[in-house]
Amino acid sequence: MNGLDALHFIRPLWLYLLPLALLLPWWWQRSRRPAGDWARVCDPHLLRWLSVEQGGGSHPARRAGPWLAGLALLTALVALAGPSWQKLPDASWSARDARVIALDLSRSMLAEDLRPNRLTRARFRLADLLESTEEGQVGLVSYAGDAYVVSPLTNDMNTIANLLPALQPDIVPVAGSRADRALALAAALLERSGFNRGEILLVTDSADSRDAARARELRDAGIHTSVLAVGTPDGAPIPSGGGFVNDRAGNVVIARLDRSALRAVADAGGGRYTELGAAAVAETPWLEQEGSEFTRRDDALGERWKDAGPWLVLLLLPLALAAFRRGLFFVLPLLLLNGLALPRDAAAGWWEDLWQRKDQQAWRALAGEDAARAAALAEDPELAGEAWYRSGDYGNARQAWARSPSADAHYNRGNAMARLGEYEAALAAYDEALALQPDMPDALHNREVVERLRQEQERREQEQQQSDQGETGEGESSGEQQQGENSEPSEGQQGDEQQQDGQQDGEQQGEQQESAEQQEGDQQGEPQTDYAEAWSAEDAQAMEQWLRRIPDDPGGLLRRKFRNQHLQRGAPDDESETW
């Protein structure tokens, strides 16, 4: 296949404009006269003194100009059409590798022949495997006397890696080491995920004939079993509390690596056998390499071609330089960017209006803590009300929210009127909001707060009226007493001074009580408290300490999960060998 057969246009509709490349030179020559309008008013022998050429003597550069313009348009149209003769690599397929890890959580995995112990080294190795896995899906099963699913098949390796530190022998409710049950559960996990074949990696330190028989069954079903042996042939005792695990005869149990039994499982399952010993292991424990099976992705892009159009644009550079010499490309950027160089205030926001609506500009200004500008830009009444409210202009906020019939608008209007001290109107606004949305908790709460404020305001007004009436009566009686006691001026003066002192003390106590009540009312009655402003550093520190007290124990979650599954299965007993 030659190059012309492989030529492909990604956007072929642009080719319909190719006739314009021929019409442009014709229109150019037709619309432009060699001598301009001077040929109409001047004699032919005078045109040469005016630096204009006669009709038959055009300069070669001028004759080539229209055709160069047509060539530039032709090149631009072909570039826009997206010529291509090479396909991009097909990324429509993804690896369909299905793998399940079966991790032994029996007590023998706590043996310390590997430092710090076998289980910790196994978790480190599995974390490295998960980090190096780029495609496919991986699941995780843990087992001791019974098997449990830690994570179903997933392509999110970080999820499984985050669960590895929580895997300890004490989260499994049944003691023992039943790898055959783990293999069966892993196979069921593959089947439920829709995979006809896959691979299981058994991470353990011991096995028996039941495990080899189950691995052979799975091999016949298309599921291979590989083994990652953990430990050393010399072994080590199993820590238990302050001592070690003992058998029924009272002897200390030495957990040794059973190589022959584990090799038998790997051979029966058609997988690979590797060991995790004291030395570092670089080889992969999986039988098949990653990407051995593929499937078409749901988000496949289909056939894709490499666009060579941008390279054709380079051919326009010489023509652009020629046009620049004539001044076109020098003046055009100045004309286009003239408005951009001006201050935005002088442009009256026309640039923002090209890209954003007024309400979008208002939201942006509100997010930038410029509430006044947001209020001036907002066209939506609810947005304008919020902007006015944040700027502290509760009167305009009330008027803006009054133009909207929604429950939120009535609720916010009630808050604005409560700020203005119009408690009766605020209660009416809350009632309108609750009529539209009866289960609005904020409206219910703020209505109770404003109702208490209104009652407190009425009580103060009554006390103020009673105080004013009492002071007026005391003033009149004091005047009469002074007029009637002129015969005993010393006693009268002494009585007046005591009375005035008592009034002053009473007034001071009343003012202190009123001030305390006012402070208490302000603290209780302010609707919609700004918690961001009231939040102090001490509150943040107290909240952080409280959050730290919340238990973050993935192991506890897995323990309860395994316990529930254990009870659903009839609570099987521990194995005879609990390690």
Protein backbone atom coordinates (compact mmCIF):
# COMPACT_ATOMS: atom_id res chain seq x y z
CA MET A 1 0.00 0.00 0.00
CA ASN A 2 1.51 3.31 -1.10
CA GLY A 3 1.33 6.61 0.72
CA LEU A 4 -1.72 7.91 -1.19
CA ASP A 5 -3.76 4.86 -0.25
CA ALA A 6 -2.91 5.40 3.40
CA LEU A 7 -3.82 9.11 3.29
CA HIS A 8 -6.72 9.85 5.61
CA PHE A 9 -8.42 13.10 6.60
CA ILE A 10 -9.62 13.29 10.20
CA ARG A 11 -11.90 16.31 9.58
CA PRO A 12 -12.77 16.03 5.87
CA LEU A 13 -15.59 18.63 5.92
CA TRP A 14 -12.99 21.40 5.73
CA LEU A 15 -12.15 20.21 2.19
CA TYR A 16 -15.47 21.62 0.97
CA LEU A 17 -13.93 25.07 1.34
CA LEU A 18 -11.08 24.36 -1.09
CA PRO A 19 -12.76 26.29 -3.97
CA LEU A 20 -12.21 29.43 -1.91
CA ALA A 21 -8.46 28.99 -2.48
CA LEU A 22 -9.10 29.52 -6.22
CA LEU A 23 -11.68 32.26 -5.81
CA LEU A 24 -9.46 34.33 -3.55
CA PRO A 25 -6.79 35.22 -6.22
CA TRP A 26 -9.52 35.99 -8.76
CA TRP A 27 -11.35 38.28 -6.34
CA TRP A 28 -8.07 39.92 -5.33
CA GLN A 29 -7.13 40.80 -8.90
CA ARG A 30 -10.62 41.94 -9.80
CA SER A 31 -11.05 44.21 -6.82
CA ARG A 32 -7.63 45.83 -7.03
CA ARG A 33 -6.71 48.30 -9.85
CA PRO A 34 -3.04 48.81 -10.68
CA ALA A 35 -3.23 52.61 -10.66
CA GLY A 36 -6.13 53.04 -8.26
CA ASP A 37 -8.60 55.90 -8.89
CA TRP A 38 -5.85 58.30 -10.11
CA ALA A 39 -6.13 56.83 -13.61
CA ARG A 40 -9.57 58.40 -13.93
CA VAL A 41 -8.45 61.98 -13.28
CA CYS A 42 -4.82 62.06 -14.50
CA ASP A 43 -3.31 61.73 -17.91
CA PRO A 44 -1.41 58.52 -18.52
CA HIS A 45 1.95 60.30 -18.97
CA LEU A 46 1.55 61.87 -15.50
CA LEU A 47 0.92 58.65 -13.60
CA ARG A 48 4.62 57.77 -13.46
CA TRP A 49 5.30 60.99 -11.58
CA LEU A 50 2.72 59.94 -8.97
CA SER A 51 4.57 56.65 -8.24
CA VAL A 52 1.67 54.59 -9.58
CA GLU A 53 2.03 52.09 -12.35
CA GLN A 54 0.07 51.88 -15.48
CA GLY A 55 -2.28 49.04 -16.21
CA GLY A 56 0.14 46.94 -18.21
CA GLY A 57 3.28 47.22 -16.08
CA SER A 58 2.44 45.58 -12.74
CA HIS A 59 5.31 44.59 -10.55
CA PRO A 60 6.00 40.80 -10.37
CA ALA A 61 5.64 40.82 -6.58
CA ARG A 62 2.19 42.33 -6.89
CA ARG A 63 1.17 39.77 -9.45
CA ALA A 64 2.30 36.96 -7.13
CA GLY A 65 0.51 38.34 -4.07
CA PRO A 66 -2.99 36.98 -4.90
CA TRP A 67 -1.63 33.54 -5.70
CA LEU A 68 0.42 33.44 -2.51
CA ALA A 69 -2.71 34.31 -0.58
CA GLY A 70 -4.59 31.49 -2.32
CA LEU A 71 -1.75 29.08 -1.54
CA ALA A 72 -1.81 30.10 2.12
CA LEU A 73 -5.56 29.53 2.28
CA LEU A 74 -5.17 26.15 0.59
CA THR A 75 -2.50 25.10 3.08
CA ALA A 76 -4.61 26.24 6.03
CA LEU A 77 -7.67 24.33 4.82
CA VAL A 78 -5.71 21.13 4.29
CA ALA A 79 -4.18 21.50 7.76
CA LEU A 80 -7.64 22.00 9.30
CA ALA A 81 -8.87 18.87 7.51
CA GLY A 82 -6.33 16.86 9.53
CA PRO A 83 -4.29 14.87 6.99
CA SER A 84 -2.91 11.64 8.41
CA TRP A 85 -1.25 8.51 7.12
CA GLN A 86 -0.31 6.86 10.41
CA LYS A 87 -2.52 5.30 13.10
CA LEU A 88 -1.93 5.86 16.80
CA PRO A 89 -1.44 2.88 19.12
CA ASP A 90 -4.74 1.32 20.08
CA ALA A 91 -5.39 1.94 23.79
CA SER A 92 -8.85 0.35 23.65
CA TRP A 93 -7.72 -2.81 25.39
CA SER A 94 -6.81 -3.35 29.03
CA ALA A 95 -5.29 -6.27 30.87
CA ARG A 96 -7.82 -8.80 32.14
CA ASP A 97 -5.52 -10.47 34.64
CA ALA A 98 -7.48 -11.82 37.61
CA ARG A 99 -5.43 -12.66 40.69
CA VAL A 100 -6.33 -13.49 44.27
CA ILE A 101 -3.90 -13.49 47.17
CA ALA A 102 -4.60 -16.01 49.97
CA LEU A 103 -2.67 -14.91 53.07
CA ASP A 104 -2.15 -17.30 55.97
CA LEU A 105 -3.01 -15.68 59.33
CA SER A 106 -2.42 -18.73 61.49
CA ARG A 107 -0.31 -18.40 64.64
CA SER A 108 2.69 -20.04 62.99
CA MET A 109 3.10 -16.91 60.86
CA LEU A 110 4.26 -15.13 64.02
CA ALA A 111 7.42 -17.25 64.20
CA GLU A 112 10.52 -15.06 64.30
CA ASP A 113 12.91 -17.03 62.10
CA LEU A 114 12.39 -14.08 59.71
CA ARG A 115 12.79 -10.66 61.28
CA PRO A 116 10.66 -9.28 62.77
CA ASN A 117 8.35 -12.23 62.00
CA ARG A 118 7.00 -14.18 59.05
CA LEU A 119 3.71 -12.30 58.79
CA THR A 120 5.33 -8.88 58.75
CA ARG A 121 7.79 -9.93 56.04
CA ALA A 122 4.93 -11.39 54.01
CA ARG A 123 2.97 -8.14 54.28
CA PHE A 124 6.00 -6.16 53.09
CA ARG A 125 6.42 -8.46 50.11
CA LEU A 126 2.75 -8.21 49.18
CA ALA A 127 2.88 -4.42 49.43
CA ASP A 128 5.74 -4.41 46.92
CA LEU A 129 3.79 -6.69 44.59
CA LEU A 130 0.72 -4.44 44.74
CA GLU A 131 2.81 -1.34 44.07
CA SER A 132 4.34 -2.91 40.96
CA THR A 133 0.96 -4.06 39.60
CA GLU A 134 -0.20 -1.63 36.92
CA GLU A 135 -3.10 -3.46 35.24
CA GLY A 136 -5.57 -6.19 36.01
CA GLN A 137 -7.56 -6.89 39.16
CA VAL A 138 -6.43 -8.30 42.49
CA GLY A 139 -8.42 -9.68 45.43
CA LEU A 140 -7.33 -10.63 48.96
CA VAL A 141 -8.42 -13.57 51.12
CA SER A 142 -7.13 -14.31 54.63
CA TYR A 143 -7.49 -17.60 56.44
CA ALA A 144 -6.64 -19.59 59.53
CA GLY A 145 -9.11 -22.29 60.60
CA ASP A 146 -11.53 -20.79 58.06
CA ALA A 147 -11.24 -18.36 55.11
CA TYR A 148 -12.65 -14.85 54.81
CA VAL A 149 -12.71 -12.19 52.07
CA VAL A 150 -10.67 -9.11 52.95
CA SER A 151 -11.16 -7.37 49.58
CA PRO A 152 -12.98 -8.44 46.42
CA LEU A 153 -11.32 -8.14 43.03
CA THR A 154 -10.41 -4.53 42.33
CA ASN A 155 -7.96 -2.52 40.26
CA ASP A 156 -7.38 -0.11 43.17
CA MET A 157 -4.21 -1.55 44.66
CA ASN A 158 -4.00 1.17 47.30
CA THR A 159 -7.16 -0.11 48.95
CA ILE A 160 -5.68 -3.55 49.48
CA ALA A 161 -2.31 -2.13 50.53
CA ASN A 162 -3.99 -0.03 53.22
CA LEU A 163 -5.63 -3.14 54.68
CA LEU A 164 -2.43 -5.17 54.95
CA PRO A 165 -1.19 -3.68 58.29
CA ALA A 166 -4.49 -4.65 59.97
CA LEU A 167 -4.11 -8.36 59.14
CA GLN A 168 -3.18 -10.17 62.36
CA PRO A 169 -3.99 -13.69 63.63
CA ASP A 170 -6.35 -12.33 66.31
CA ILE A 171 -8.90 -11.03 63.76
CA VAL A 172 -9.73 -14.56 62.55
CA PRO A 173 -12.28 -16.22 64.86
CA VAL A 174 -11.25 -19.81 64.05
CA ALA A 175 -7.76 -21.11 64.86
CA GLY A 176 -5.96 -23.49 62.54
CA SER A 177 -4.51 -23.50 59.02
CA ARG A 178 -6.99 -24.56 56.32
CA ALA A 179 -5.45 -23.44 53.04
CA ASP A 180 -7.91 -25.64 51.09
CA ARG A 181 -10.79 -23.46 52.28
CA ALA A 182 -8.89 -20.34 51.25
CA LEU A 183 -8.35 -21.77 47.75
CA ALA A 184 -12.04 -22.59 47.43
CA LEU A 185 -13.06 -19.09 48.57
CA ALA A 186 -10.58 -17.47 46.15
CA ALA A 187 -11.98 -19.54 43.27
CA ALA A 188 -15.53 -18.48 44.22
CA LEU A 189 -14.37 -14.88 44.28
CA LEU A 190 -13.05 -15.20 40.71
CA GLU A 191 -16.26 -16.86 39.56
CA ARG A 192 -18.48 -14.17 41.12
CA SER A 193 -16.43 -11.49 39.35
CA GLY A 194 -17.06 -13.10 35.96
CA PHE A 195 -13.61 -14.57 35.32
CA ASN A 196 -13.36 -18.03 33.80
CA ARG A 197 -9.70 -18.31 34.60
CA GLY A 198 -7.21 -16.70 36.95
CA GLU A 199 -4.39 -17.29 39.39
CA ILE A 200 -4.21 -17.69 43.16
CA LEU A 201 -1.10 -16.87 45.17
CA LEU A 202 -0.98 -18.89 48.39
CA VAL A 203 1.20 -17.14 50.99
CA THR A 204 1.84 -19.60 53.80
CA ASP A 205 4.44 -21.67 55.65
CA SER A 206 2.76 -25.10 55.62
CA ALA A 207 0.36 -27.26 53.61
CA ASP A 208 -1.05 -30.80 53.50
CA SER A 209 -2.62 -33.24 51.07
CA ARG A 210 -6.04 -31.52 51.21
CA ASP A 211 -4.49 -28.33 49.87
CA ALA A 212 -2.80 -30.16 46.97
CA ALA A 213 -6.05 -31.92 46.06
CA ARG A 214 -7.97 -28.63 46.00
CA ALA A 215 -5.25 -26.98 43.90
CA ARG A 216 -5.50 -29.84 41.40
CA GLU A 217 -9.28 -29.37 41.12
CA LEU A 218 -8.87 -25.68 40.48
CA ARG A 219 -6.23 -26.32 37.84
CA ASP A 220 -8.70 -28.47 35.91
CA ALA A 221 -11.15 -25.55 36.10
CA GLY A 222 -8.60 -23.14 34.60
CA ILE A 223 -7.35 -21.54 37.84
CA HIS A 224 -3.64 -21.90 38.62
CA THR A 225 -2.22 -21.89 42.15
CA SER A 226 1.23 -20.47 42.91
CA VAL A 227 2.89 -20.65 46.32
CA LEU A 228 4.97 -18.05 48.14
CA ALA A 229 6.58 -19.98 50.99
CA VAL A 230 7.40 -17.93 54.08
CA GLY A 231 9.96 -19.08 56.65
CA THR A 232 13.05 -21.24 56.97
CA PRO A 233 13.50 -25.02 57.29
CA ASP A 234 15.07 -24.58 60.74
CA GLY A 235 11.98 -22.73 61.95
CA ALA A 236 11.40 -21.01 65.27
CA PRO A 237 9.01 -21.23 68.23
CA ILE A 238 5.71 -19.36 68.07
CA PRO A 239 5.39 -16.51 70.60
CA SER A 240 2.29 -16.60 72.79
CA GLY A 241 1.89 -14.08 75.58
CA GLY A 242 4.94 -14.33 77.80
CA GLY A 243 6.06 -17.69 76.42
CA PHE A 244 5.58 -19.95 73.40
CA VAL A 245 2.88 -22.14 71.92
CA ASN A 246 2.88 -25.73 73.24
CA ASP A 247 1.34 -28.89 71.81
CA ARG A 248 -0.91 -31.24 73.77
CA ALA A 249 2.10 -32.98 75.30
CA GLY A 250 3.40 -29.69 76.63
CA ASN A 251 6.30 -29.43 74.20
CA VAL A 252 7.20 -26.12 72.54
CA VAL A 253 6.02 -26.10 68.93
CA ILE A 254 8.72 -25.31 66.36
CA ALA A 255 7.14 -23.94 63.16
CA ARG A 256 9.30 -25.14 60.26
CA LEU A 257 8.91 -24.43 56.57
CA ASP A 258 7.46 -27.53 54.86
CA ARG A 259 9.06 -27.22 51.43
CA SER A 260 7.98 -30.60 50.06
CA ALA A 261 4.30 -30.07 50.87
CA LEU A 262 4.31 -26.54 49.48
CA ARG A 263 6.03 -27.63 46.28
CA ALA A 264 3.42 -30.33 45.91
CA VAL A 265 0.67 -27.70 46.10
CA ALA A 266 2.37 -25.56 43.46
CA ASP A 267 2.90 -28.55 41.14
CA ALA A 268 -0.68 -29.72 41.59
CA GLY A 269 -1.99 -26.23 40.85
CA GLY A 270 0.26 -25.75 37.82
CA GLY A 271 1.80 -22.63 39.35
CA ARG A 272 5.16 -21.33 40.46
CA TYR A 273 6.93 -21.99 43.75
CA THR A 274 9.01 -19.21 45.34
CA GLU A 275 10.37 -18.69 48.83
CA LEU A 276 10.50 -15.62 51.02
CA GLY A 277 13.54 -16.25 53.15
CA ALA A 278 16.17 -14.18 54.86
CA ALA A 279 17.57 -12.98 51.51
CA ALA A 280 15.75 -10.50 49.33
CA VAL A 281 13.63 -11.98 46.53
CA ALA A 282 13.54 -10.22 43.18
CA GLU A 283 11.63 -12.72 41.04
CA THR A 284 7.88 -12.51 40.71
CA PRO A 285 5.80 -15.18 42.47
CA TRP A 286 3.12 -15.12 39.74
CA LEU A 287 3.04 -17.79 37.10
CA GLU A 288 1.92 -15.57 34.20
CA GLN A 289 3.30 -12.16 33.41
CA GLU A 290 1.09 -9.11 33.76
CA GLY A 291 -0.97 -8.41 30.65
CA SER A 292 -1.26 -12.01 29.47
CA GLU A 293 -5.00 -11.59 28.83
CA PHE A 294 -6.75 -8.51 27.50
CA THR A 295 -10.30 -7.29 27.06
CA ARG A 296 -11.79 -4.30 25.30
CA ARG A 297 -12.30 -1.30 27.56
CA ASP A 298 -15.72 0.25 28.09
CA ASP A 299 -14.30 3.72 27.41
CA ALA A 300 -12.55 2.67 24.20
CA LEU A 301 -11.82 5.55 21.83
CA GLY A 302 -11.84 3.39 18.72
CA GLU A 303 -9.61 3.94 15.71
CA ARG A 304 -7.35 6.98 16.06
CA TRP A 305 -5.05 8.63 13.53
CA LYS A 306 -2.01 10.82 14.07
CA ASP A 307 -2.86 14.36 12.97
CA ALA A 308 -0.20 15.87 10.68
CA GLY A 309 -2.09 19.14 10.23
CA PRO A 310 -0.04 21.13 12.76
CA TRP A 311 3.10 20.40 10.75
CA LEU A 312 1.53 21.97 7.64
CA VAL A 313 1.07 25.18 9.59
CA LEU A 314 4.86 25.57 9.53
CA LEU A 315 4.60 26.10 5.76
CA LEU A 316 2.59 29.25 6.46
CA LEU A 317 5.46 30.90 8.35
CA PRO A 318 7.26 32.22 5.23
CA LEU A 319 4.00 33.71 3.98
CA ALA A 320 3.35 35.19 7.40
CA LEU A 321 6.79 36.82 7.39
CA ALA A 322 6.03 38.36 4.00
CA ALA A 323 2.71 39.71 5.27
CA PHE A 324 4.45 41.01 8.37
CA ARG A 325 6.81 42.96 6.17
CA ARG A 326 3.84 44.63 4.56
CA GLY A 327 2.55 45.58 8.00
CA LEU A 328 -0.54 43.39 8.20
CA PHE A 329 0.65 41.10 11.00
CA PHE A 330 2.17 44.04 12.81
CA VAL A 331 -1.07 46.04 12.98
CA LEU A 332 -3.48 43.13 13.49
CA PRO A 333 -2.26 42.14 16.99
CA LEU A 334 -2.42 45.77 18.07
CA LEU A 335 -6.03 45.97 16.92
CA LEU A 336 -7.02 42.72 18.62
CA LEU A 337 -5.17 43.35 21.87
CA ASN A 338 -6.02 47.03 22.15
CA GLY A 339 -8.86 46.36 24.55
CA LEU A 340 -6.83 43.89 26.58
CA ALA A 341 -4.16 46.47 27.34
CA LEU A 342 -6.71 48.87 28.84
CA PRO A 343 -7.67 48.75 32.52
CA ARG A 344 -10.69 46.59 33.17
CA ASP A 345 -12.59 49.39 34.90
CA ALA A 346 -12.33 51.52 31.78
CA ALA A 347 -13.58 48.61 29.68
CA ALA A 348 -16.71 48.47 31.89
CA GLY A 349 -16.35 44.71 32.36
CA TRP A 350 -16.89 43.88 28.70
CA TRP A 351 -14.21 41.21 28.76
CA GLU A 352 -15.87 39.36 31.65
CA ASP A 353 -19.24 39.70 29.93
CA LEU A 354 -17.87 37.79 26.96
CA TRP A 355 -17.20 34.70 29.06
CA GLN A 356 -19.43 34.85 32.13
CA ARG A 357 -22.96 35.89 32.98
CA LYS A 358 -23.57 38.55 35.60
CA ASP A 359 -24.58 35.97 38.19
CA GLN A 360 -21.42 33.94 37.50
CA GLN A 361 -19.34 37.08 37.98
CA ALA A 362 -21.25 37.76 41.19
CA TRP A 363 -20.52 34.25 42.51
CA ARG A 364 -16.86 34.73 41.70
CA ALA A 365 -16.78 38.08 43.50
CA LEU A 366 -18.61 36.56 46.46
CA ALA A 367 -16.07 33.76 46.66
CA GLY A 368 -13.35 36.43 46.65
CA GLU A 369 -14.91 38.16 49.70
CA ASP A 370 -15.98 41.13 47.55
CA ALA A 371 -19.61 41.22 48.66
CA ALA A 372 -20.25 44.80 47.53
CA ARG A 373 -19.22 44.06 43.93
CA ALA A 374 -21.22 40.83 43.99
CA ALA A 375 -24.32 42.72 45.09
CA ALA A 376 -23.88 45.20 42.25
CA LEU A 377 -23.49 42.44 39.65
CA ALA A 378 -26.06 39.88 40.80
CA GLU A 379 -29.28 39.63 38.83
CA ASP A 380 -30.71 36.67 40.72
CA PRO A 381 -32.59 38.08 43.76
CA GLU A 382 -31.43 35.31 46.09
CA LEU A 383 -27.81 35.80 45.07
CA ALA A 384 -28.16 39.56 45.44
CA GLY A 385 -29.71 39.08 48.87
CA GLU A 386 -26.83 36.93 50.02
CA ALA A 387 -24.32 39.49 48.75
CA TRP A 388 -26.09 42.35 50.54
CA TYR A 389 -26.36 40.25 53.71
CA ARG A 390 -22.64 39.48 53.72
CA SER A 391 -21.82 43.14 53.17
CA GLY A 392 -23.89 44.05 56.25
CA ASP A 393 -26.64 45.89 54.36
CA TYR A 394 -29.61 43.98 55.80
CA GLY A 395 -32.19 46.41 54.40
CA ASN A 396 -31.24 45.77 50.79
CA ALA A 397 -30.88 42.08 51.56
CA ARG A 398 -34.47 42.02 52.82
CA GLN A 399 -35.71 43.75 49.69
CA ALA A 400 -33.78 41.41 47.40
CA TRP A 401 -35.07 38.24 49.07
CA ALA A 402 -38.60 39.64 49.02
CA ARG A 403 -38.55 39.29 45.20
CA SER A 404 -38.17 35.51 45.42
CA PRO A 405 -41.04 33.19 46.46
CA SER A 406 -38.88 30.23 47.54
CA ALA A 407 -38.71 28.87 51.08
CA ASP A 408 -35.00 29.68 51.32
CA ALA A 409 -35.68 33.28 50.34
CA HIS A 410 -38.34 33.68 53.06
CA TYR A 411 -35.98 32.10 55.59
CA ASN A 412 -33.10 34.41 54.65
CA ARG A 413 -35.43 37.43 54.64
CA GLY A 414 -36.40 36.52 58.20
CA ASN A 415 -32.73 36.48 59.19
CA ALA A 416 -32.19 39.91 57.66
CA MET A 417 -35.18 41.39 59.49
CA ALA A 418 -34.04 39.78 62.73
CA ARG A 419 -30.71 41.55 62.27
CA LEU A 420 -32.63 44.80 61.86
CA GLY A 421 -34.59 44.15 65.06
CA GLU A 422 -37.92 43.66 63.26
CA TYR A 423 -38.84 40.52 65.16
CA GLU A 424 -42.54 40.43 64.28
CA ALA A 425 -41.78 40.62 60.55
CA ALA A 426 -39.01 38.06 60.96
CA LEU A 427 -41.41 35.60 62.59
CA ALA A 428 -43.87 36.11 59.73
CA ALA A 429 -41.10 35.38 57.20
CA TYR A 430 -40.14 32.20 59.03
CA ASP A 431 -43.79 31.13 59.03
CA GLU A 432 -43.95 31.60 55.25
CA ALA A 433 -40.80 29.51 54.83
CA LEU A 434 -42.20 26.74 57.05
CA ALA A 435 -45.48 26.80 55.14
CA LEU A 436 -43.56 25.94 51.97
CA GLN A 437 -41.09 23.56 53.65
CA PRO A 438 -42.34 22.38 57.06
CA ASP A 439 -39.26 20.28 57.82
CA MET A 440 -36.71 23.10 57.48
CA PRO A 441 -34.63 22.74 60.69
CA ASP A 442 -32.86 26.08 60.38
CA ALA A 443 -36.13 27.98 60.10
CA LEU A 444 -37.56 26.16 63.14
CA HIS A 445 -34.47 26.90 65.22
CA ASN A 446 -34.18 30.56 64.22
CA ARG A 447 -37.90 31.09 64.80
CA GLU A 448 -37.53 29.90 68.39
CA VAL A 449 -34.53 32.19 68.87
CA VAL A 450 -36.34 35.23 67.42
CA GLU A 451 -39.46 34.45 69.47
CA ARG A 452 -37.36 34.58 72.65
CA LEU A 453 -35.83 37.84 71.44
CA ARG A 454 -39.30 39.31 70.84
CA GLN A 455 -40.46 38.31 74.33
CA GLU A 456 -37.31 39.73 75.84
CA GLN A 457 -37.85 42.98 73.94
CA GLU A 458 -41.44 43.28 75.22
CA ARG A 459 -40.34 42.59 78.79
CA ARG A 460 -37.70 45.32 78.57
CA GLU A 461 -40.21 47.80 77.17
CA GLN A 462 -42.60 47.06 80.03
CA GLU A 463 -39.85 47.43 82.63
CA GLN A 464 -38.77 50.68 81.00
CA GLN A 465 -42.31 52.06 81.14
CA GLN A 466 -42.72 51.05 84.77
CA SER A 467 -39.37 52.61 85.62
CA ASP A 468 -40.32 55.87 83.89
CA GLN A 469 -43.64 56.02 85.73
CA GLY A 470 -41.97 55.33 89.09
CA GLU A 471 -39.38 58.04 88.61
CA THR A 472 -42.11 60.58 87.72
CA GLY A 473 -44.14 59.76 90.88
CA GLU A 474 -41.08 59.89 93.13
CA GLY A 475 -40.11 63.30 91.72
CA GLU A 476 -43.54 64.79 92.49
CA SER A 477 -43.67 63.42 96.05
CA SER A 478 -40.16 64.67 96.73
CA GLY A 479 -41.13 68.22 95.69
CA GLU A 480 -44.14 68.26 97.98
CA GLN A 481 -42.09 66.98 100.90
CA GLN A 482 -39.50 69.74 100.45
CA GLN A 483 -42.17 72.45 100.42
CA GLY A 484 -43.86 71.12 103.58
CA GLU A 485 -40.74 70.71 105.69
CA ASN A 486 -39.21 74.20 105.61
CA SER A 487 -39.38 74.37 109.41
CA GLU A 488 -36.85 71.54 109.73
CA PRO A 489 -34.37 72.15 106.93
CA SER A 490 -31.53 70.01 108.32
CA GLU A 491 -33.63 66.86 108.66
CA GLY A 492 -35.29 67.45 105.28
CA GLN A 493 -31.99 67.87 103.55
CA GLN A 494 -30.61 64.79 105.21
CA GLY A 495 -33.69 62.81 104.13
CA ASP A 496 -33.40 64.09 100.54
CA GLU A 497 -29.74 63.11 100.36
CA GLN A 498 -30.52 59.61 101.59
CA GLN A 499 -33.38 59.33 99.11
CA GLN A 500 -31.18 60.51 96.21
CA ASP A 501 -28.44 58.09 97.22
CA GLY A 502 -30.99 55.28 97.25
CA GLN A 503 -32.27 56.26 93.83
CA GLN A 504 -28.74 56.36 92.43
CA ASP A 505 -27.95 52.94 93.86
CA GLY A 506 -31.18 51.56 92.43
CA GLU A 507 -30.51 53.08 89.03
CA GLN A 508 -26.97 51.66 88.96
CA GLN A 509 -28.23 48.20 89.90
CA GLY A 510 -30.96 48.47 87.27
CA GLU A 511 -28.47 49.48 84.62
CA GLN A 512 -26.14 46.61 85.51
CA GLN A 513 -29.01 44.13 85.44
CA GLU A 514 -30.27 45.53 82.12
CA SER A 515 -26.75 45.34 80.63
CA ALA A 516 -26.37 41.70 81.75
CA GLU A 517 -29.80 40.82 80.34
CA GLN A 518 -28.94 42.54 77.08
CA GLN A 519 -25.68 40.60 76.77
CA GLU A 520 -27.49 37.35 77.53
CA GLY A 521 -30.17 38.16 74.97
CA ASP A 522 -27.59 38.99 72.34
CA GLN A 523 -25.82 35.71 72.95
CA GLN A 524 -29.04 33.68 72.76
CA GLY A 525 -30.89 35.56 70.10
CA GLU A 526 -28.53 36.07 67.23
CA PRO A 527 -29.87 34.02 64.32
CA GLN A 528 -27.52 32.27 61.97
CA THR A 529 -24.30 32.68 63.96
CA ASP A 530 -21.14 33.11 61.92
CA TYR A 531 -19.26 30.08 63.25
CA ALA A 532 -16.18 30.86 61.18
CA GLU A 533 -15.68 34.11 63.07
CA ALA A 534 -16.54 32.61 66.48
CA TRP A 535 -14.20 29.64 65.97
CA SER A 536 -11.05 30.21 67.99
CA ALA A 537 -7.71 28.45 68.12
CA GLU A 538 -8.71 26.79 71.40
CA ASP A 539 -11.85 25.40 69.77
CA ALA A 540 -9.81 24.02 66.87
CA GLN A 541 -7.36 22.39 69.27
CA ALA A 542 -10.18 20.86 71.31
CA MET A 543 -11.82 19.53 68.16
CA GLU A 544 -8.53 17.99 66.99
CA GLN A 545 -8.07 16.27 70.36
CA TRP A 546 -11.63 14.99 70.22
CA LEU A 547 -11.09 13.58 66.73
CA ARG A 548 -7.94 11.83 67.88
CA ARG A 549 -9.95 10.01 70.53
CA ILE A 550 -12.12 8.43 67.83
CA PRO A 551 -10.78 4.88 67.30
CA ASP A 552 -9.29 4.32 63.86
CA ASP A 553 -8.87 0.55 63.79
CA PRO A 554 -9.35 -1.23 60.44
CA GLY A 555 -8.44 -4.44 62.25
CA GLY A 556 -11.46 -4.04 64.51
CA LEU A 557 -13.71 -3.63 61.49
CA LEU A 558 -12.33 -6.78 59.87
CA ARG A 559 -12.60 -8.63 63.19
CA ARG A 560 -16.32 -7.84 63.47
CA LYS A 561 -16.85 -8.67 59.80
CA PHE A 562 -15.16 -12.06 60.14
CA ARG A 563 -17.03 -12.73 63.37
CA ASN A 564 -20.40 -12.16 61.70
CA GLN A 565 -19.45 -14.44 58.81
CA HIS A 566 -18.25 -17.03 61.31
CA LEU A 567 -21.64 -17.02 63.04
CA GLN A 568 -23.51 -17.18 59.73
CA ARG A 569 -21.54 -20.30 58.84
CA GLY A 570 -22.61 -22.05 62.03
CA ALA A 571 -19.56 -21.11 64.15
CA PRO A 572 -17.22 -24.00 63.20
CA ASP A 573 -14.82 -25.17 65.89
CA ASP A 574 -11.06 -24.63 65.95
CA GLU A 575 -8.77 -27.14 64.27
CA SER A 576 -6.94 -29.70 66.35
CA GLU A 577 -3.66 -27.94 65.63
CA THR A 578 -4.44 -24.34 66.43
CA TRP A 579 -1.18 -23.06 64.95
